[in-house]
Amino acid sequence: MKNIENKYVALHSPGGCGTILFWSWVGERYNNRITPQTAVHHINVVSMGNNNVNVVYLYGDPVDCVLSFYRRHDKDSIFNNAHCRHLMIPPVTITLDEYIENGKDLFQLERFFDNHINMKNSMVIKYEDMWENLDEILGHLGLGDHINEFPEYKERSVHPIKNNPEKYNKLKEIYSGLYDKMSKIPSVYYTN
């Protein structure tokens, strides 16, 4: 196991893809030397350029991220305002139905993804495949000896919109370009 005593983790994520689970579990093992998700996990970033920092970008299915936001937060919530402020975009103050009808990536998840896969020296992790790649992920973070302690995978809650094929497909269409980009990189990807 590599020495993590003087190491830090900078976790970046669009939210809605296991961020809190990953942040709290890794943070506990790094004695909280992990950047607070509320401070940096939504910002545009450049390479940290620091060998003591493990930069991790955790992403997931963009539709699930949007549905997670609307399931957990009111459109006027502090989370929404902070998320959009960190991305330097206006708050998204419309309902999910209005979001779908708008037909645009108002949360700018594709731009956020592009920023991170073009960043230097970071590990990019697909949430949905994280448990299948724990050996590699935790080994990279120097936590390979703790793999048996990592929380078990839990199915996401099913949002009612998934039972409405017309709305669900419209939402998936908003992110069709992002799905294409995501399909072209491995589940665990190292930028250089």
N, C-alpha and C. Protein backbone atom coordinates (compact mmCIF):
# COMPACT_ATOMS: atom_id res chain seq x y z
N MET A 1 0.85 -1.18 0.00
CA MET A 1 0.00 0.00 0.00
C MET A 1 0.88 1.24 0.00
N LYS A 2 0.52 2.21 -0.85
CA LYS A 2 1.36 3.41 -0.88
C LYS A 2 1.05 4.31 0.30
N ASN A 3 2.03 5.09 0.70
CA ASN A 3 1.90 5.97 1.84
C ASN A 3 0.98 7.14 1.50
N ILE A 4 -0.06 7.31 2.30
CA ILE A 4 -1.00 8.41 2.05
C ILE A 4 -0.92 9.48 3.15
N GLU A 5 0.06 9.36 4.02
CA GLU A 5 0.15 10.25 5.18
C GLU A 5 0.13 11.72 4.80
N ASN A 6 0.84 12.11 3.76
CA ASN A 6 0.89 13.51 3.36
C ASN A 6 0.16 13.76 2.05
N LYS A 7 -0.77 12.89 1.74
CA LYS A 7 -1.53 13.01 0.49
C LYS A 7 -2.92 13.58 0.76
N TYR A 8 -3.46 14.15 -0.29
CA TYR A 8 -4.81 14.70 -0.25
C TYR A 8 -5.58 14.18 -1.46
N VAL A 9 -6.90 14.24 -1.39
CA VAL A 9 -7.74 13.88 -2.52
C VAL A 9 -8.58 15.10 -2.87
N ALA A 10 -8.58 15.47 -4.14
CA ALA A 10 -9.47 16.51 -4.64
C ALA A 10 -10.54 15.80 -5.45
N LEU A 11 -11.75 15.74 -4.91
CA LEU A 11 -12.85 15.03 -5.56
C LEU A 11 -13.74 16.03 -6.29
N HIS A 12 -13.97 15.74 -7.56
CA HIS A 12 -14.83 16.57 -8.39
C HIS A 12 -15.95 15.69 -8.94
N SER A 13 -17.15 16.24 -9.00
CA SER A 13 -18.29 15.47 -9.45
C SER A 13 -19.43 16.42 -9.78
N PRO A 14 -20.30 16.03 -10.72
CA PRO A 14 -21.47 16.87 -10.98
C PRO A 14 -22.55 16.67 -9.92
N GLY A 15 -22.37 15.72 -9.03
CA GLY A 15 -23.38 15.41 -8.02
C GLY A 15 -24.35 14.36 -8.56
N GLY A 16 -25.02 13.69 -7.65
CA GLY A 16 -26.00 12.69 -8.06
C GLY A 16 -25.40 11.40 -8.57
N CYS A 17 -24.12 11.15 -8.23
CA CYS A 17 -23.47 9.93 -8.72
C CYS A 17 -22.55 9.34 -7.65
N GLY A 18 -23.03 9.25 -6.44
CA GLY A 18 -22.25 8.63 -5.38
C GLY A 18 -21.20 9.51 -4.75
N THR A 19 -21.28 10.80 -4.98
CA THR A 19 -20.26 11.73 -4.50
C THR A 19 -20.12 11.68 -2.99
N ILE A 20 -21.22 11.77 -2.28
CA ILE A 20 -21.17 11.82 -0.82
C ILE A 20 -20.64 10.49 -0.26
N LEU A 21 -21.08 9.38 -0.82
CA LEU A 21 -20.59 8.07 -0.38
C LEU A 21 -19.07 8.00 -0.56
N PHE A 22 -18.58 8.33 -1.75
CA PHE A 22 -17.16 8.25 -2.05
C PHE A 22 -16.38 9.24 -1.19
N TRP A 23 -16.87 10.46 -1.12
CA TRP A 23 -16.20 11.54 -0.37
C TRP A 23 -16.06 11.17 1.10
N SER A 24 -17.13 10.70 1.71
CA SER A 24 -17.06 10.40 3.14
C SER A 24 -16.20 9.17 3.42
N TRP A 25 -16.30 8.12 2.59
CA TRP A 25 -15.51 6.91 2.82
C TRP A 25 -14.02 7.18 2.63
N VAL A 26 -13.64 7.79 1.52
CA VAL A 26 -12.23 8.09 1.27
C VAL A 26 -11.73 9.11 2.29
N GLY A 27 -12.53 10.12 2.57
CA GLY A 27 -12.13 11.15 3.52
C GLY A 27 -11.81 10.60 4.89
N GLU A 28 -12.58 9.62 5.33
CA GLU A 28 -12.33 9.00 6.63
C GLU A 28 -10.96 8.32 6.65
N ARG A 29 -10.59 7.67 5.58
CA ARG A 29 -9.31 6.98 5.52
C ARG A 29 -8.14 7.92 5.28
N TYR A 30 -8.41 9.06 4.70
CA TYR A 30 -7.39 10.08 4.50
C TYR A 30 -7.39 11.09 5.65
N ASN A 31 -8.01 10.73 6.76
CA ASN A 31 -8.12 11.64 7.91
C ASN A 31 -8.64 13.01 7.49
N ASN A 32 -9.67 12.97 6.64
CA ASN A 32 -10.35 14.17 6.14
C ASN A 32 -9.47 15.08 5.30
N ARG A 33 -8.38 14.54 4.73
CA ARG A 33 -7.57 15.31 3.79
C ARG A 33 -8.15 15.12 2.39
N ILE A 34 -9.41 15.47 2.26
CA ILE A 34 -10.10 15.41 0.98
C ILE A 34 -10.85 16.72 0.86
N THR A 35 -10.76 17.34 -0.31
CA THR A 35 -11.40 18.65 -0.44
C THR A 35 -12.90 18.50 -0.26
N PRO A 36 -13.49 19.39 0.49
CA PRO A 36 -14.93 19.29 0.73
C PRO A 36 -15.71 19.39 -0.57
N GLN A 37 -16.61 18.46 -0.77
CA GLN A 37 -17.38 18.43 -2.01
C GLN A 37 -18.14 19.73 -2.23
N THR A 38 -18.62 20.34 -1.18
CA THR A 38 -19.40 21.54 -1.37
C THR A 38 -18.55 22.70 -1.85
N ALA A 39 -17.25 22.60 -1.67
CA ALA A 39 -16.38 23.69 -2.08
C ALA A 39 -15.90 23.55 -3.51
N VAL A 40 -15.59 22.35 -3.94
CA VAL A 40 -14.94 22.26 -5.25
C VAL A 40 -15.50 21.23 -6.22
N HIS A 41 -16.46 20.44 -5.85
CA HIS A 41 -16.77 19.36 -6.78
C HIS A 41 -17.54 19.79 -8.01
N HIS A 42 -17.90 21.06 -8.13
CA HIS A 42 -18.61 21.52 -9.32
C HIS A 42 -17.84 22.54 -10.14
N ILE A 43 -16.68 22.97 -9.70
CA ILE A 43 -16.01 24.08 -10.38
C ILE A 43 -15.26 23.64 -11.63
N ASN A 44 -14.99 24.60 -12.50
CA ASN A 44 -14.09 24.35 -13.62
C ASN A 44 -12.70 24.26 -13.02
N VAL A 45 -11.96 23.25 -13.40
CA VAL A 45 -10.66 23.05 -12.78
C VAL A 45 -9.56 22.95 -13.81
N VAL A 46 -8.36 23.20 -13.36
CA VAL A 46 -7.16 22.94 -14.14
C VAL A 46 -6.32 21.99 -13.30
N SER A 47 -5.30 21.45 -13.85
CA SER A 47 -4.47 20.50 -13.12
C SER A 47 -3.96 21.10 -11.82
N MET A 48 -4.03 20.31 -10.78
CA MET A 48 -3.55 20.76 -9.48
C MET A 48 -2.03 20.91 -9.50
N GLY A 49 -1.34 20.12 -10.34
CA GLY A 49 0.11 20.23 -10.46
C GLY A 49 0.84 19.94 -9.17
N ASN A 50 0.28 19.09 -8.33
CA ASN A 50 0.85 18.82 -7.02
C ASN A 50 0.88 17.30 -6.83
N ASN A 51 2.06 16.74 -6.62
CA ASN A 51 2.18 15.30 -6.45
C ASN A 51 1.54 14.79 -5.16
N ASN A 52 1.19 15.67 -4.24
CA ASN A 52 0.55 15.25 -3.00
C ASN A 52 -0.96 15.20 -3.11
N VAL A 53 -1.49 15.51 -4.29
CA VAL A 53 -2.94 15.53 -4.48
C VAL A 53 -3.35 14.48 -5.50
N ASN A 54 -4.27 13.62 -5.10
CA ASN A 54 -4.90 12.68 -6.03
C ASN A 54 -6.20 13.34 -6.49
N VAL A 55 -6.24 13.74 -7.75
CA VAL A 55 -7.44 14.36 -8.30
C VAL A 55 -8.33 13.26 -8.85
N VAL A 56 -9.58 13.24 -8.41
CA VAL A 56 -10.54 12.23 -8.84
C VAL A 56 -11.77 12.94 -9.39
N TYR A 57 -12.19 12.54 -10.58
CA TYR A 57 -13.45 13.02 -11.15
C TYR A 57 -14.39 11.83 -11.20
N LEU A 58 -15.48 11.91 -10.45
CA LEU A 58 -16.48 10.86 -10.38
C LEU A 58 -17.70 11.33 -11.16
N TYR A 59 -18.09 10.57 -12.16
CA TYR A 59 -19.25 10.96 -12.97
C TYR A 59 -20.18 9.77 -13.11
N GLY A 60 -21.38 10.03 -13.56
CA GLY A 60 -22.34 8.96 -13.76
C GLY A 60 -23.29 9.29 -14.89
N ASP A 61 -24.26 8.44 -15.08
CA ASP A 61 -25.28 8.65 -16.10
C ASP A 61 -25.88 10.04 -15.90
N PRO A 62 -25.80 10.92 -16.91
CA PRO A 62 -26.26 12.29 -16.72
C PRO A 62 -27.76 12.40 -16.43
N VAL A 63 -28.55 11.51 -17.00
CA VAL A 63 -29.98 11.55 -16.71
C VAL A 63 -30.21 11.20 -15.24
N ASP A 64 -29.50 10.19 -14.74
CA ASP A 64 -29.64 9.85 -13.32
C ASP A 64 -29.18 11.01 -12.43
N CYS A 65 -28.14 11.73 -12.85
CA CYS A 65 -27.68 12.89 -12.08
C CYS A 65 -28.76 13.96 -12.01
N VAL A 66 -29.39 14.25 -13.15
CA VAL A 66 -30.45 15.26 -13.18
C VAL A 66 -31.64 14.80 -12.34
N LEU A 67 -32.03 13.54 -12.50
CA LEU A 67 -33.16 13.02 -11.73
C LEU A 67 -32.85 13.01 -10.24
N SER A 68 -31.62 12.70 -9.89
CA SER A 68 -31.21 12.73 -8.49
C SER A 68 -31.35 14.14 -7.92
N PHE A 69 -30.91 15.12 -8.71
CA PHE A 69 -31.04 16.51 -8.27
C PHE A 69 -32.51 16.84 -7.99
N TYR A 70 -33.38 16.54 -8.93
CA TYR A 70 -34.79 16.89 -8.77
C TYR A 70 -35.48 16.05 -7.70
N ARG A 71 -34.99 14.84 -7.44
CA ARG A 71 -35.57 14.01 -6.39
C ARG A 71 -35.16 14.53 -5.01
N ARG A 72 -33.92 15.01 -4.89
CA ARG A 72 -33.39 15.40 -3.59
C ARG A 72 -33.51 16.88 -3.26
N HIS A 73 -33.70 17.72 -4.28
CA HIS A 73 -33.62 19.15 -4.05
C HIS A 73 -34.75 19.90 -4.73
N ASP A 74 -35.18 20.95 -4.08
CA ASP A 74 -36.13 21.87 -4.68
C ASP A 74 -35.38 22.74 -5.68
N LYS A 75 -36.07 23.17 -6.73
CA LYS A 75 -35.43 24.00 -7.75
C LYS A 75 -34.87 25.29 -7.17
N ASP A 76 -35.33 25.70 -6.00
CA ASP A 76 -34.83 26.92 -5.36
C ASP A 76 -33.87 26.62 -4.22
N SER A 77 -33.38 25.40 -4.15
CA SER A 77 -32.56 24.99 -3.02
C SER A 77 -31.18 25.64 -3.02
N ILE A 78 -30.58 25.62 -1.86
CA ILE A 78 -29.21 26.12 -1.71
C ILE A 78 -28.27 25.30 -2.59
N PHE A 79 -28.51 23.97 -2.67
CA PHE A 79 -27.67 23.11 -3.51
C PHE A 79 -27.69 23.58 -4.96
N ASN A 80 -28.88 23.84 -5.48
CA ASN A 80 -29.00 24.29 -6.87
C ASN A 80 -28.22 25.58 -7.08
N ASN A 81 -28.40 26.53 -6.19
CA ASN A 81 -27.71 27.80 -6.32
C ASN A 81 -26.19 27.62 -6.24
N ALA A 82 -25.73 26.77 -5.33
CA ALA A 82 -24.28 26.55 -5.20
C ALA A 82 -23.73 25.82 -6.42
N HIS A 83 -24.44 24.79 -6.86
CA HIS A 83 -24.01 24.04 -8.04
C HIS A 83 -23.82 24.98 -9.23
N CYS A 84 -24.81 25.79 -9.49
CA CYS A 84 -24.75 26.69 -10.64
C CYS A 84 -23.72 27.80 -10.44
N ARG A 85 -23.57 28.28 -9.24
CA ARG A 85 -22.55 29.32 -8.97
C ARG A 85 -21.16 28.77 -9.25
N HIS A 86 -20.89 27.54 -8.83
CA HIS A 86 -19.59 26.93 -9.06
C HIS A 86 -19.32 26.72 -10.55
N LEU A 87 -20.38 26.46 -11.31
CA LEU A 87 -20.23 26.31 -12.76
C LEU A 87 -20.28 27.66 -13.48
N MET A 88 -20.54 28.72 -12.72
CA MET A 88 -20.64 30.07 -13.26
C MET A 88 -21.76 30.18 -14.30
N ILE A 89 -22.92 29.58 -13.95
CA ILE A 89 -24.11 29.65 -14.79
C ILE A 89 -25.28 30.10 -13.92
N PRO A 90 -26.34 30.63 -14.54
CA PRO A 90 -27.51 31.03 -13.74
C PRO A 90 -28.16 29.81 -13.08
N PRO A 91 -28.76 29.99 -11.90
CA PRO A 91 -29.45 28.87 -11.25
C PRO A 91 -30.55 28.30 -12.16
N VAL A 92 -30.73 27.00 -12.08
CA VAL A 92 -31.78 26.33 -12.84
C VAL A 92 -33.03 26.37 -11.98
N THR A 93 -33.94 27.26 -12.31
CA THR A 93 -35.11 27.51 -11.45
C THR A 93 -36.40 27.06 -12.11
N ILE A 94 -36.34 25.95 -12.81
CA ILE A 94 -37.53 25.41 -13.46
C ILE A 94 -37.78 24.00 -12.96
N THR A 95 -39.00 23.54 -13.18
CA THR A 95 -39.36 22.18 -12.77
C THR A 95 -38.71 21.16 -13.72
N LEU A 96 -38.75 19.90 -13.33
CA LEU A 96 -38.21 18.85 -14.18
C LEU A 96 -38.93 18.81 -15.52
N ASP A 97 -40.25 18.93 -15.51
CA ASP A 97 -40.99 18.94 -16.78
C ASP A 97 -40.54 20.09 -17.67
N GLU A 98 -40.33 21.26 -17.09
CA GLU A 98 -39.86 22.41 -17.87
C GLU A 98 -38.43 22.17 -18.37
N TYR A 99 -37.61 21.53 -17.54
CA TYR A 99 -36.23 21.20 -17.94
C TYR A 99 -36.26 20.30 -19.18
N ILE A 100 -37.10 19.30 -19.15
CA ILE A 100 -37.20 18.35 -20.26
C ILE A 100 -37.68 19.07 -21.52
N GLU A 101 -38.72 19.89 -21.37
CA GLU A 101 -39.26 20.59 -22.53
C GLU A 101 -38.28 21.61 -23.09
N ASN A 102 -37.43 22.18 -22.24
CA ASN A 102 -36.42 23.14 -22.70
C ASN A 102 -35.46 22.47 -23.68
N GLY A 103 -35.12 21.20 -23.42
CA GLY A 103 -34.30 20.45 -24.34
C GLY A 103 -32.82 20.78 -24.33
N LYS A 104 -32.36 21.49 -23.31
CA LYS A 104 -30.94 21.88 -23.24
C LYS A 104 -30.31 21.38 -21.95
N ASP A 105 -29.02 21.21 -21.99
CA ASP A 105 -28.23 20.78 -20.83
C ASP A 105 -28.01 22.00 -19.92
N LEU A 106 -29.04 22.38 -19.20
CA LEU A 106 -28.96 23.60 -18.37
C LEU A 106 -27.96 23.47 -17.23
N PHE A 107 -27.73 22.25 -16.75
CA PHE A 107 -26.74 22.05 -15.70
C PHE A 107 -25.31 21.98 -16.27
N GLN A 108 -25.20 22.00 -17.57
CA GLN A 108 -23.92 21.98 -18.29
C GLN A 108 -23.03 20.81 -17.87
N LEU A 109 -23.66 19.66 -17.78
CA LEU A 109 -22.93 18.45 -17.40
C LEU A 109 -21.91 18.05 -18.47
N GLU A 110 -22.23 18.30 -19.73
CA GLU A 110 -21.27 17.95 -20.78
C GLU A 110 -20.02 18.83 -20.71
N ARG A 111 -20.21 20.12 -20.48
CA ARG A 111 -19.05 21.02 -20.34
C ARG A 111 -18.20 20.60 -19.14
N PHE A 112 -18.86 20.24 -18.05
CA PHE A 112 -18.16 19.81 -16.84
C PHE A 112 -17.35 18.54 -17.11
N PHE A 113 -17.96 17.59 -17.83
CA PHE A 113 -17.27 16.35 -18.21
C PHE A 113 -16.05 16.67 -19.07
N ASP A 114 -16.26 17.51 -20.09
CA ASP A 114 -15.16 17.89 -20.99
C ASP A 114 -13.99 18.51 -20.22
N ASN A 115 -14.29 19.39 -19.28
CA ASN A 115 -13.24 20.02 -18.48
C ASN A 115 -12.40 18.98 -17.76
N HIS A 116 -13.05 17.97 -17.23
CA HIS A 116 -12.34 17.00 -16.39
C HIS A 116 -11.59 15.95 -17.18
N ILE A 117 -12.11 15.53 -18.31
CA ILE A 117 -11.34 14.52 -19.06
C ILE A 117 -10.17 15.16 -19.80
N ASN A 118 -10.15 16.47 -19.86
CA ASN A 118 -9.01 17.17 -20.47
C ASN A 118 -8.05 17.74 -19.43
N MET A 119 -8.32 17.48 -18.19
CA MET A 119 -7.47 17.94 -17.10
C MET A 119 -6.27 17.00 -16.98
N LYS A 120 -5.17 17.49 -16.51
CA LYS A 120 -3.98 16.65 -16.37
C LYS A 120 -3.95 15.94 -15.02
N ASN A 121 -3.38 14.75 -15.04
CA ASN A 121 -3.07 14.00 -13.82
C ASN A 121 -4.28 13.73 -12.93
N SER A 122 -5.34 13.23 -13.50
CA SER A 122 -6.47 12.86 -12.65
C SER A 122 -6.99 11.48 -13.04
N MET A 123 -7.72 10.90 -12.12
CA MET A 123 -8.36 9.62 -12.34
C MET A 123 -9.85 9.91 -12.54
N VAL A 124 -10.39 9.43 -13.64
CA VAL A 124 -11.80 9.64 -13.98
C VAL A 124 -12.51 8.31 -13.75
N ILE A 125 -13.58 8.33 -12.94
CA ILE A 125 -14.27 7.10 -12.54
C ILE A 125 -15.74 7.18 -12.92
N LYS A 126 -16.23 6.15 -13.59
CA LYS A 126 -17.66 6.05 -13.90
C LYS A 126 -18.36 5.39 -12.72
N TYR A 127 -19.29 6.11 -12.12
CA TYR A 127 -19.98 5.63 -10.92
C TYR A 127 -20.58 4.24 -11.11
N GLU A 128 -21.28 4.03 -12.20
CA GLU A 128 -22.00 2.77 -12.40
C GLU A 128 -21.07 1.56 -12.44
N ASP A 129 -19.80 1.77 -12.77
CA ASP A 129 -18.83 0.66 -12.85
C ASP A 129 -17.80 0.69 -11.72
N MET A 130 -17.99 1.58 -10.76
CA MET A 130 -16.98 1.76 -9.71
C MET A 130 -16.72 0.47 -8.93
N TRP A 131 -17.77 -0.27 -8.56
CA TRP A 131 -17.59 -1.45 -7.72
C TRP A 131 -16.83 -2.55 -8.46
N GLU A 132 -16.95 -2.59 -9.78
CA GLU A 132 -16.22 -3.59 -10.57
C GLU A 132 -14.74 -3.24 -10.69
N ASN A 133 -14.37 -2.03 -10.31
CA ASN A 133 -13.00 -1.55 -10.49
C ASN A 133 -12.36 -1.08 -9.18
N LEU A 134 -12.88 -1.55 -8.06
CA LEU A 134 -12.38 -1.09 -6.77
C LEU A 134 -10.90 -1.40 -6.56
N ASP A 135 -10.44 -2.55 -7.03
CA ASP A 135 -9.01 -2.88 -6.87
C ASP A 135 -8.14 -1.78 -7.47
N GLU A 136 -8.45 -1.40 -8.69
CA GLU A 136 -7.66 -0.38 -9.38
C GLU A 136 -7.83 1.00 -8.73
N ILE A 137 -9.06 1.37 -8.44
CA ILE A 137 -9.35 2.71 -7.88
C ILE A 137 -8.70 2.87 -6.52
N LEU A 138 -8.98 1.93 -5.62
CA LEU A 138 -8.46 2.05 -4.26
C LEU A 138 -6.94 1.84 -4.23
N GLY A 139 -6.44 1.00 -5.12
CA GLY A 139 -4.98 0.83 -5.23
C GLY A 139 -4.32 2.15 -5.62
N HIS A 140 -4.91 2.85 -6.58
CA HIS A 140 -4.37 4.14 -7.02
C HIS A 140 -4.36 5.16 -5.88
N LEU A 141 -5.37 5.09 -5.03
CA LEU A 141 -5.47 6.03 -3.92
C LEU A 141 -4.70 5.58 -2.68
N GLY A 142 -4.05 4.42 -2.78
CA GLY A 142 -3.30 3.91 -1.64
C GLY A 142 -4.19 3.27 -0.59
N LEU A 143 -5.38 2.85 -1.00
CA LEU A 143 -6.34 2.28 -0.05
C LEU A 143 -6.70 0.84 -0.39
N GLY A 144 -5.84 0.19 -1.17
CA GLY A 144 -6.12 -1.18 -1.60
C GLY A 144 -6.34 -2.15 -0.46
N ASP A 145 -5.69 -1.93 0.67
CA ASP A 145 -5.86 -2.83 1.83
C ASP A 145 -7.24 -2.68 2.47
N HIS A 146 -8.01 -1.68 2.05
CA HIS A 146 -9.32 -1.42 2.67
C HIS A 146 -10.49 -1.80 1.76
N ILE A 147 -10.22 -2.54 0.70
CA ILE A 147 -11.26 -2.82 -0.29
C ILE A 147 -12.49 -3.50 0.33
N ASN A 148 -12.29 -4.37 1.30
CA ASN A 148 -13.42 -5.08 1.92
C ASN A 148 -14.28 -4.17 2.79
N GLU A 149 -13.79 -2.97 3.07
CA GLU A 149 -14.55 -2.02 3.90
C GLU A 149 -15.42 -1.10 3.06
N PHE A 150 -15.22 -1.09 1.74
CA PHE A 150 -15.97 -0.17 0.89
C PHE A 150 -17.45 -0.57 0.89
N PRO A 151 -18.35 0.41 1.00
CA PRO A 151 -19.79 0.09 1.04
C PRO A 151 -20.24 -0.70 -0.19
N GLU A 152 -21.20 -1.58 0.03
CA GLU A 152 -21.75 -2.37 -1.07
C GLU A 152 -22.58 -1.49 -1.99
N TYR A 153 -22.66 -1.92 -3.25
CA TYR A 153 -23.46 -1.21 -4.24
C TYR A 153 -24.94 -1.30 -3.88
N LYS A 154 -25.65 -0.19 -4.02
CA LYS A 154 -27.10 -0.17 -3.82
C LYS A 154 -27.73 0.37 -5.09
N GLU A 155 -28.81 -0.26 -5.50
CA GLU A 155 -29.54 0.21 -6.67
C GLU A 155 -30.04 1.64 -6.42
N ARG A 156 -30.01 2.44 -7.46
CA ARG A 156 -30.56 3.80 -7.37
C ARG A 156 -32.07 3.72 -7.20
N SER A 157 -32.64 4.71 -6.55
CA SER A 157 -34.09 4.83 -6.50
C SER A 157 -34.60 5.10 -7.91
N VAL A 158 -35.71 4.51 -8.26
CA VAL A 158 -36.27 4.72 -9.59
C VAL A 158 -37.14 5.97 -9.55
N HIS A 159 -36.79 6.95 -10.35
CA HIS A 159 -37.56 8.17 -10.44
C HIS A 159 -38.81 7.90 -11.30
N PRO A 160 -39.97 8.45 -10.90
CA PRO A 160 -41.20 8.20 -11.67
C PRO A 160 -41.10 8.55 -13.15
N ILE A 161 -40.23 9.48 -13.52
CA ILE A 161 -40.11 9.88 -14.93
C ILE A 161 -39.67 8.71 -15.80
N LYS A 162 -38.98 7.73 -15.20
CA LYS A 162 -38.53 6.57 -15.98
C LYS A 162 -39.71 5.70 -16.41
N ASN A 163 -40.86 5.89 -15.79
CA ASN A 163 -42.07 5.17 -16.19
C ASN A 163 -42.84 5.91 -17.27
N ASN A 164 -42.32 7.05 -17.70
CA ASN A 164 -42.94 7.83 -18.77
C ASN A 164 -41.96 7.86 -19.94
N PRO A 165 -42.06 6.91 -20.85
CA PRO A 165 -41.06 6.80 -21.93
C PRO A 165 -40.87 8.08 -22.74
N GLU A 166 -41.94 8.82 -22.99
CA GLU A 166 -41.81 10.04 -23.80
C GLU A 166 -40.90 11.06 -23.10
N LYS A 167 -41.16 11.33 -21.84
CA LYS A 167 -40.35 12.31 -21.11
C LYS A 167 -38.94 11.78 -20.86
N TYR A 168 -38.85 10.51 -20.51
CA TYR A 168 -37.54 9.92 -20.23
C TYR A 168 -36.65 9.97 -21.47
N ASN A 169 -37.21 9.62 -22.63
CA ASN A 169 -36.43 9.64 -23.86
C ASN A 169 -36.03 11.06 -24.26
N LYS A 170 -36.89 12.03 -23.99
CA LYS A 170 -36.53 13.44 -24.26
C LYS A 170 -35.35 13.86 -23.39
N LEU A 171 -35.37 13.44 -22.15
CA LEU A 171 -34.28 13.77 -21.24
C LEU A 171 -32.99 13.08 -21.69
N LYS A 172 -33.08 11.84 -22.11
CA LYS A 172 -31.90 11.13 -22.62
C LYS A 172 -31.36 11.80 -23.88
N GLU A 173 -32.24 12.33 -24.71
CA GLU A 173 -31.82 12.99 -25.94
C GLU A 173 -31.00 14.25 -25.64
N ILE A 174 -31.35 14.96 -24.57
CA ILE A 174 -30.59 16.15 -24.18
C ILE A 174 -29.12 15.78 -23.98
N TYR A 175 -28.88 14.61 -23.47
CA TYR A 175 -27.52 14.18 -23.13
C TYR A 175 -26.93 13.17 -24.11
N SER A 176 -27.49 13.08 -25.31
CA SER A 176 -27.00 12.09 -26.28
C SER A 176 -25.53 12.31 -26.63
N GLY A 177 -25.11 13.56 -26.80
CA GLY A 177 -23.71 13.85 -27.09
C GLY A 177 -22.79 13.46 -25.94
N LEU A 178 -23.25 13.69 -24.72
CA LEU A 178 -22.46 13.33 -23.54
C LEU A 178 -22.38 11.81 -23.39
N TYR A 179 -23.49 11.12 -23.63
CA TYR A 179 -23.45 9.66 -23.60
C TYR A 179 -22.42 9.13 -24.59
N ASP A 180 -22.37 9.74 -25.77
CA ASP A 180 -21.41 9.31 -26.79
C ASP A 180 -19.98 9.49 -26.29
N LYS A 181 -19.69 10.65 -25.71
CA LYS A 181 -18.34 10.91 -25.18
C LYS A 181 -17.99 9.93 -24.06
N MET A 182 -18.95 9.68 -23.18
CA MET A 182 -18.70 8.77 -22.05
C MET A 182 -18.42 7.34 -22.53
N SER A 183 -19.05 6.97 -23.63
CA SER A 183 -18.87 5.60 -24.13
C SER A 183 -17.49 5.38 -24.73
N LYS A 184 -16.75 6.45 -24.98
CA LYS A 184 -15.45 6.34 -25.64
C LYS A 184 -14.26 6.26 -24.68
N ILE A 185 -14.54 6.32 -23.39
CA ILE A 185 -13.45 6.18 -22.43
C ILE A 185 -13.74 4.99 -21.51
N PRO A 186 -12.69 4.38 -20.97
CA PRO A 186 -12.91 3.26 -20.06
C PRO A 186 -13.55 3.72 -18.75
N SER A 187 -14.06 2.78 -17.99
CA SER A 187 -14.74 3.09 -16.72
C SER A 187 -13.81 3.75 -15.71
N VAL A 188 -12.53 3.43 -15.78
CA VAL A 188 -11.51 4.11 -14.98
C VAL A 188 -10.49 4.62 -15.99
N TYR A 189 -10.30 5.91 -16.01
CA TYR A 189 -9.51 6.56 -17.05
C TYR A 189 -8.53 7.52 -16.39
N TYR A 190 -7.28 7.48 -16.84
CA TYR A 190 -6.27 8.38 -16.28
C TYR A 190 -5.92 9.44 -17.33
N THR A 191 -6.05 10.69 -16.95
CA THR A 191 -5.67 11.76 -17.85
C THR A 191 -4.18 12.03 -17.70
N ASN A 192 -3.58 12.59 -18.73
CA ASN A 192 -2.14 12.90 -18.62
C ASN A 192 -1.84 14.21 -19.31
